[in-house]
Amino acid sequence: MSKPGGTVAQARTVADVLAQSQIESVMDELDTDLVGLAPVKARIRDIAALLVVDKLRLNLGLTAQTPSLHMSFTGNPGTGKTTVAMRMAEILHRLGYVRKGHVVSVTRDDLVGQYIGHTAPKTKEVLKRAMGGVLFIDEAYYLYRPENERDYGQEAIEILLQVMENQRDDLVVIVAGYKDRMDTFFKSNPGLSSRIAHHLDFPDYGEGELLQIADRMLGTMNYRFGEGTREVFADYLRRRIPLPHFANARSVRNALDRSRLRQASRLFVDRDRELTREDLTTLMPADILASRLFDSAAPPALR
């Protein structure tokens, strides 16, 4: 099993560890990949600092036990929890805390069986795949269903607890979900709560941050907002954010995908016109305004 050390075993300064592990480039990628989330990014840097200093302590014989690195990510959908988990796995791998640095993302259905004797094999198979990396359990509170006395989720939790305690030098578990539900989940499972060392809360994005996210998403797809379109999209966000099921960056991506569909339909009808690069890459105000959000007759819950 992996132990902190390896290529940075002779490091004596923080600069030595940073130079040999190259984790600063991962943290820089986190800043590049994700808009906002200043408290989360600061906490990730704090955790990275802890691991770097712990490695220096190990080199001097001052640390005997791998620190607990299991984490809880709480927040609404689309706030970057999965992306941060992937970057965290890379940091852990580069510092030698996990062997592979991969992320296995699962939900209740991947862990819990439907009949007696089904859950343990399912959970153990997932854990086997995740060893040497990070196991990311989304909506982890669905593992616990106290209202159903025949539910098998508790069996999966018990297996997880064993592995989190006994094999924490080869696996990091990150549980994620809505904050209020995760708080209730931890109260109902004190054994799990006691094994979680780091709790990170992911705030919702503000309107300005969502516009930055939209700009970045369009850039990666070789699209852009045409004249006046960004202002219309800002209006769209103001209307969409208060409605049910808003999912931050995920909702932004869905809205842009629908706008691209409308742009394609707009271009499609003019079959004989030679389309320029600008035509093919530019979203116009009409592509946003066609949303049912701007239709006063549409039910308020629509998109």
Protein backbone atom coordinates (compact mmCIF):
# COMPACT_ATOMS: atom_id res chain seq x y z
CA MET A 1 0.00 0.00 0.00
CA SER A 2 1.05 3.53 -0.70
CA LYS A 3 2.81 5.51 1.95
CA PRO A 4 3.72 9.18 1.68
CA GLY A 5 7.27 9.41 0.45
CA GLY A 6 8.56 8.11 -2.87
CA THR A 7 10.12 10.73 -5.09
CA VAL A 8 9.98 13.41 -2.40
CA ALA A 9 11.56 11.29 0.36
CA GLN A 10 14.64 13.53 0.58
CA ALA A 11 12.74 16.81 0.61
CA ARG A 12 13.70 19.13 3.44
CA THR A 13 11.84 22.32 2.53
CA VAL A 14 8.34 23.19 1.37
CA ALA A 15 9.89 24.34 -1.91
CA ASP A 16 11.49 20.90 -2.36
CA VAL A 17 8.15 19.13 -1.97
CA LEU A 18 6.35 21.57 -4.28
CA ALA A 19 9.03 21.29 -6.96
CA GLN A 20 9.10 17.51 -6.91
CA SER A 21 5.37 16.88 -6.62
CA GLN A 22 4.22 19.67 -8.98
CA ILE A 23 1.00 20.09 -6.99
CA GLU A 24 1.00 23.84 -7.48
CA SER A 25 0.14 23.30 -11.14
CA VAL A 26 -2.91 21.28 -10.06
CA MET A 27 -4.06 24.07 -7.75
CA ASP A 28 -3.50 26.58 -10.55
CA GLU A 29 -5.70 24.41 -12.78
CA LEU A 30 -8.37 24.53 -10.09
CA ASP A 31 -8.30 28.32 -10.27
CA THR A 32 -8.44 28.19 -14.06
CA ASP A 33 -11.16 25.55 -14.32
CA LEU A 34 -13.55 26.93 -11.72
CA VAL A 35 -14.97 30.42 -11.41
CA GLY A 36 -15.39 31.76 -7.87
CA LEU A 37 -15.50 29.25 -4.99
CA ALA A 38 -12.87 31.26 -3.09
CA PRO A 39 -13.59 29.54 0.28
CA VAL A 40 -13.33 26.08 -1.31
CA LYS A 41 -10.10 26.88 -3.12
CA ALA A 42 -8.61 28.31 0.07
CA ARG A 43 -9.54 25.14 1.97
CA ILE A 44 -8.00 22.92 -0.71
CA ARG A 45 -4.79 24.93 -0.44
CA ASP A 46 -4.90 24.53 3.36
CA ILE A 47 -5.26 20.76 2.99
CA ALA A 48 -2.41 20.68 0.46
CA ALA A 49 -0.24 22.68 2.89
CA LEU A 50 -1.06 20.19 5.66
CA LEU A 51 -0.01 17.28 3.44
CA VAL A 52 3.21 18.99 2.38
CA VAL A 53 4.19 19.78 5.97
CA ASP A 54 3.17 16.28 7.05
CA LYS A 55 5.53 14.86 4.44
CA LEU A 56 8.38 16.97 5.82
CA ARG A 57 7.54 15.71 9.32
CA LEU A 58 7.59 12.14 8.03
CA ASN A 59 11.04 12.67 6.56
CA LEU A 60 12.26 13.61 10.05
CA GLY A 61 10.51 10.67 11.69
CA LEU A 62 7.89 12.87 13.36
CA THR A 63 4.76 11.28 11.86
CA ALA A 64 3.79 7.67 12.32
CA GLN A 65 0.24 7.56 10.96
CA THR A 66 -1.33 8.69 7.69
CA PRO A 67 -3.64 11.67 8.37
CA SER A 68 -7.35 11.13 7.86
CA LEU A 69 -8.23 12.58 4.48
CA HIS A 70 -11.88 11.57 4.07
CA MET A 71 -14.01 14.57 3.13
CA SER A 72 -17.54 15.90 2.87
CA PHE A 73 -18.51 18.25 0.02
CA THR A 74 -21.84 19.99 0.62
CA GLY A 75 -23.71 22.31 -1.70
CA ASN A 76 -26.27 22.53 -4.45
CA PRO A 77 -25.87 20.81 -7.83
CA GLY A 78 -23.55 22.39 -10.35
CA THR A 79 -21.21 24.05 -7.85
CA GLY A 80 -18.07 22.15 -8.87
CA LYS A 81 -17.97 19.34 -6.30
CA THR A 82 -16.99 16.63 -8.81
CA THR A 83 -14.33 18.82 -10.43
CA VAL A 84 -12.76 19.60 -7.06
CA ALA A 85 -12.81 15.89 -6.17
CA MET A 86 -10.82 15.11 -9.32
CA ARG A 87 -8.26 17.80 -8.57
CA MET A 88 -8.01 16.64 -4.96
CA ALA A 89 -7.32 13.10 -6.16
CA GLU A 90 -4.51 14.40 -8.34
CA ILE A 91 -2.96 16.32 -5.45
CA LEU A 92 -3.13 13.24 -3.22
CA HIS A 93 -1.56 11.10 -5.92
CA ARG A 94 1.30 13.52 -6.63
CA LEU A 95 2.13 13.68 -2.93
CA GLY A 96 2.07 9.90 -2.61
CA TYR A 97 -1.05 9.57 -0.44
CA VAL A 98 -2.88 7.38 -2.98
CA ARG A 99 -1.33 5.04 -5.54
CA LYS A 100 -3.34 5.86 -8.67
CA GLY A 101 -5.18 9.15 -8.22
CA HIS A 102 -8.31 8.07 -10.08
CA VAL A 103 -11.86 8.94 -9.01
CA VAL A 104 -14.69 6.42 -8.89
CA SER A 105 -18.03 8.25 -8.75
CA VAL A 106 -21.02 6.34 -7.42
CA THR A 107 -24.51 6.76 -6.00
CA ARG A 108 -26.65 4.58 -3.76
CA ASP A 109 -27.63 2.28 -6.65
CA ASP A 110 -24.00 1.31 -7.18
CA LEU A 111 -23.56 0.26 -3.54
CA VAL A 112 -26.86 -1.05 -2.23
CA GLY A 113 -28.48 -4.30 -3.35
CA GLN A 114 -32.13 -5.24 -3.71
CA TYR A 115 -32.15 -8.42 -1.66
CA ILE A 116 -30.35 -10.18 1.21
CA GLY A 117 -26.75 -10.95 0.34
CA HIS A 118 -26.64 -8.54 -2.59
CA THR A 119 -25.27 -5.38 -0.94
CA ALA A 120 -21.95 -6.64 0.43
CA PRO A 121 -20.64 -7.90 -2.95
CA LYS A 122 -21.76 -4.70 -4.71
CA THR A 123 -20.13 -2.43 -2.14
CA LYS A 124 -16.92 -4.45 -2.01
CA GLU A 125 -16.64 -4.45 -5.80
CA VAL A 126 -16.93 -0.65 -5.88
CA LEU A 127 -14.34 -0.35 -3.12
CA LYS A 128 -12.01 -2.67 -5.02
CA ARG A 129 -12.26 -0.41 -8.09
CA ALA A 130 -11.66 2.70 -6.00
CA MET A 131 -8.61 1.43 -4.09
CA GLY A 132 -5.57 3.56 -4.69
CA GLY A 133 -7.72 6.59 -5.44
CA VAL A 134 -10.81 8.49 -4.40
CA LEU A 135 -14.33 7.14 -3.97
CA PHE A 136 -16.84 9.94 -4.60
CA ILE A 137 -20.33 9.14 -3.26
CA ASP A 138 -22.86 11.65 -4.56
CA GLU A 139 -26.12 12.20 -2.64
CA ALA A 140 -24.65 10.00 0.09
CA TYR A 141 -27.66 10.55 2.39
CA TYR A 142 -29.71 8.17 0.24
CA LEU A 143 -27.61 5.35 1.70
CA TYR A 144 -29.57 5.75 4.94
CA ARG A 145 -33.32 5.22 4.86
CA PRO A 146 -34.50 4.78 8.45
CA GLU A 147 -38.15 4.77 7.38
CA ASN A 148 -37.58 1.39 5.70
CA GLU A 149 -36.52 -1.23 8.21
CA ARG A 150 -35.77 -3.69 5.39
CA ASP A 151 -33.45 -1.28 3.59
CA TYR A 152 -29.92 -2.56 2.96
CA GLY A 153 -28.18 0.83 2.91
CA GLN A 154 -26.97 0.46 6.47
CA GLU A 155 -25.02 -2.64 5.46
CA ALA A 156 -23.19 -0.62 2.81
CA ILE A 157 -22.43 2.09 5.38
CA GLU A 158 -20.96 -0.45 7.81
CA ILE A 159 -18.65 -1.83 5.11
CA LEU A 160 -17.61 1.71 4.16
CA LEU A 161 -16.84 2.54 7.78
CA GLN A 162 -14.54 -0.46 8.09
CA VAL A 163 -12.61 0.40 4.95
CA MET A 164 -12.42 4.12 5.78
CA GLU A 165 -10.79 3.25 9.10
CA ASN A 166 -8.61 0.27 8.19
CA GLN A 167 -7.47 1.19 4.67
CA ARG A 168 -7.28 4.94 4.81
CA ASP A 169 -3.69 4.83 3.54
CA ASP A 170 -4.98 3.50 0.20
CA LEU A 171 -8.41 5.07 -0.23
CA VAL A 172 -9.95 8.49 0.33
CA VAL A 173 -13.75 8.69 0.51
CA ILE A 174 -15.57 11.89 -0.38
CA VAL A 175 -19.29 12.04 0.40
CA ALA A 176 -21.35 14.78 -1.22
CA GLY A 177 -24.83 16.24 -1.35
CA TYR A 178 -27.17 19.00 -0.21
CA LYS A 179 -25.95 20.56 3.05
CA ASP A 180 -29.14 20.15 5.09
CA ARG A 181 -29.55 16.51 4.10
CA MET A 182 -25.88 15.76 4.73
CA ASP A 183 -26.13 17.33 8.21
CA THR A 184 -29.06 15.02 9.01
CA PHE A 185 -27.18 12.07 7.53
CA PHE A 186 -24.15 12.69 9.75
CA LYS A 187 -26.32 13.04 12.87
CA SER A 188 -27.84 9.66 12.08
CA ASN A 189 -24.44 8.08 11.44
CA PRO A 190 -21.97 9.35 14.06
CA GLY A 191 -19.45 6.69 13.08
CA LEU A 192 -19.26 8.11 9.60
CA SER A 193 -19.15 11.71 10.82
CA SER A 194 -16.21 10.94 13.10
CA ARG A 195 -14.20 9.61 10.15
CA ILE A 196 -14.69 12.72 8.00
CA ALA A 197 -11.76 15.04 8.61
CA HIS A 198 -12.57 17.84 6.19
CA HIS A 199 -15.93 19.49 5.52
CA LEU A 200 -16.12 21.82 2.52
CA ASP A 201 -19.25 23.83 1.75
CA PHE A 202 -19.69 24.88 -1.89
CA PRO A 203 -21.63 28.17 -2.21
CA ASP A 204 -24.03 28.92 -5.04
CA TYR A 205 -22.68 31.07 -7.85
CA GLY A 206 -23.71 34.69 -8.20
CA GLU A 207 -25.09 36.08 -11.43
CA GLY A 208 -21.75 37.58 -12.45
CA GLU A 209 -19.95 34.29 -11.82
CA LEU A 210 -22.55 32.40 -13.85
CA LEU A 211 -21.96 34.79 -16.76
CA GLN A 212 -18.22 34.09 -16.51
CA ILE A 213 -18.98 30.37 -16.54
CA ALA A 214 -21.14 30.85 -19.64
CA ASP A 215 -18.32 32.73 -21.39
CA ARG A 216 -15.89 29.91 -20.60
CA MET A 217 -18.27 27.18 -21.71
CA LEU A 218 -18.94 28.94 -25.01
CA GLY A 219 -15.21 29.43 -25.54
CA THR A 220 -14.51 25.71 -25.18
CA MET A 221 -17.23 25.01 -27.78
CA ASN A 222 -16.01 27.72 -30.19
CA TYR A 223 -19.09 29.88 -29.71
CA ARG A 224 -19.51 33.42 -28.45
CA PHE A 225 -22.24 35.87 -27.50
CA GLY A 226 -23.09 38.30 -30.27
CA GLU A 227 -23.87 41.98 -29.70
CA GLY A 228 -26.43 42.37 -26.92
CA THR A 229 -26.69 38.62 -26.32
CA ARG A 230 -24.73 38.54 -23.07
CA GLU A 231 -27.11 41.12 -21.59
CA VAL A 232 -30.09 39.02 -22.64
CA PHE A 233 -28.49 35.93 -21.09
CA ALA A 234 -27.99 37.89 -17.86
CA ASP A 235 -31.72 38.65 -17.92
CA TYR A 236 -32.38 34.95 -18.49
CA LEU A 237 -30.30 34.08 -15.40
CA ARG A 238 -32.15 36.62 -13.24
CA ARG A 239 -35.41 34.93 -14.21
CA ARG A 240 -34.08 31.37 -13.89
CA ILE A 241 -32.14 31.49 -10.61
CA PRO A 242 -35.20 31.85 -8.32
CA LEU A 243 -37.11 29.01 -9.98
CA PRO A 244 -37.12 25.38 -8.76
CA HIS A 245 -34.35 22.96 -9.71
CA PHE A 246 -31.80 25.62 -10.60
CA ALA A 247 -28.44 23.81 -10.74
CA ASN A 248 -25.82 26.57 -11.07
CA ALA A 249 -23.24 25.73 -13.77
CA ARG A 250 -25.27 22.72 -14.88
CA SER A 251 -28.27 24.93 -15.62
CA VAL A 252 -26.03 27.37 -17.47
CA ARG A 253 -24.77 24.55 -19.68
CA ASN A 254 -28.31 23.34 -20.35
CA ALA A 255 -29.43 26.86 -21.28
CA LEU A 256 -26.49 27.30 -23.66
CA ASP A 257 -27.19 23.92 -25.26
CA ARG A 258 -30.78 24.97 -25.91
CA SER A 259 -29.56 28.29 -27.32
CA ARG A 260 -27.26 26.42 -29.70
CA LEU A 261 -30.23 24.37 -30.85
CA ARG A 262 -32.19 27.53 -31.57
CA GLN A 263 -29.24 29.04 -33.40
CA ALA A 264 -28.97 25.90 -35.54
CA SER A 265 -32.69 26.04 -36.35
CA ARG A 266 -32.37 29.71 -37.26
CA LEU A 267 -29.49 29.00 -39.64
CA PHE A 268 -31.04 25.82 -41.02
CA VAL A 269 -34.04 27.56 -42.61
CA ASP A 270 -31.83 29.77 -44.80
CA ARG A 271 -30.58 26.85 -46.85
CA ASP A 272 -29.00 28.69 -49.77
CA ARG A 273 -27.00 31.25 -47.80
CA GLU A 274 -23.30 30.63 -47.45
CA LEU A 275 -22.65 30.62 -43.73
CA THR A 276 -19.55 32.39 -42.45
CA ARG A 277 -17.46 31.48 -39.44
CA GLU A 278 -19.14 34.32 -37.57
CA ASP A 279 -22.60 32.97 -38.45
CA LEU A 280 -21.67 29.52 -37.17
CA THR A 281 -20.07 30.65 -33.92
CA THR A 282 -22.30 33.50 -32.76
CA LEU A 283 -25.35 33.27 -30.52
CA MET A 284 -27.79 36.13 -31.05
CA PRO A 285 -30.34 37.62 -28.62
CA ALA A 286 -33.16 35.80 -30.42
CA ASP A 287 -31.53 32.46 -29.55
CA ILE A 288 -31.94 33.28 -25.86
CA LEU A 289 -35.25 35.15 -26.03
CA ALA A 290 -36.94 32.10 -27.54
CA SER A 291 -36.78 30.47 -24.10
CA ARG A 292 -40.12 29.89 -22.46
CA LEU A 293 -38.84 31.94 -19.53
CA PHE A 294 -39.59 35.03 -21.61
CA ASP A 295 -43.08 33.80 -22.43
CA SER A 296 -45.46 35.39 -19.92
CA ALA A 297 -48.01 32.67 -20.66
CA ALA A 298 -45.66 29.84 -19.73
CA PRO A 299 -45.96 28.15 -16.32
CA PRO A 300 -43.41 29.67 -13.90
CA ALA A 301 -41.63 26.36 -13.26
CA LEU A 302 -40.64 25.96 -16.91
CA ARG A 303 -36.85 26.20 -17.39
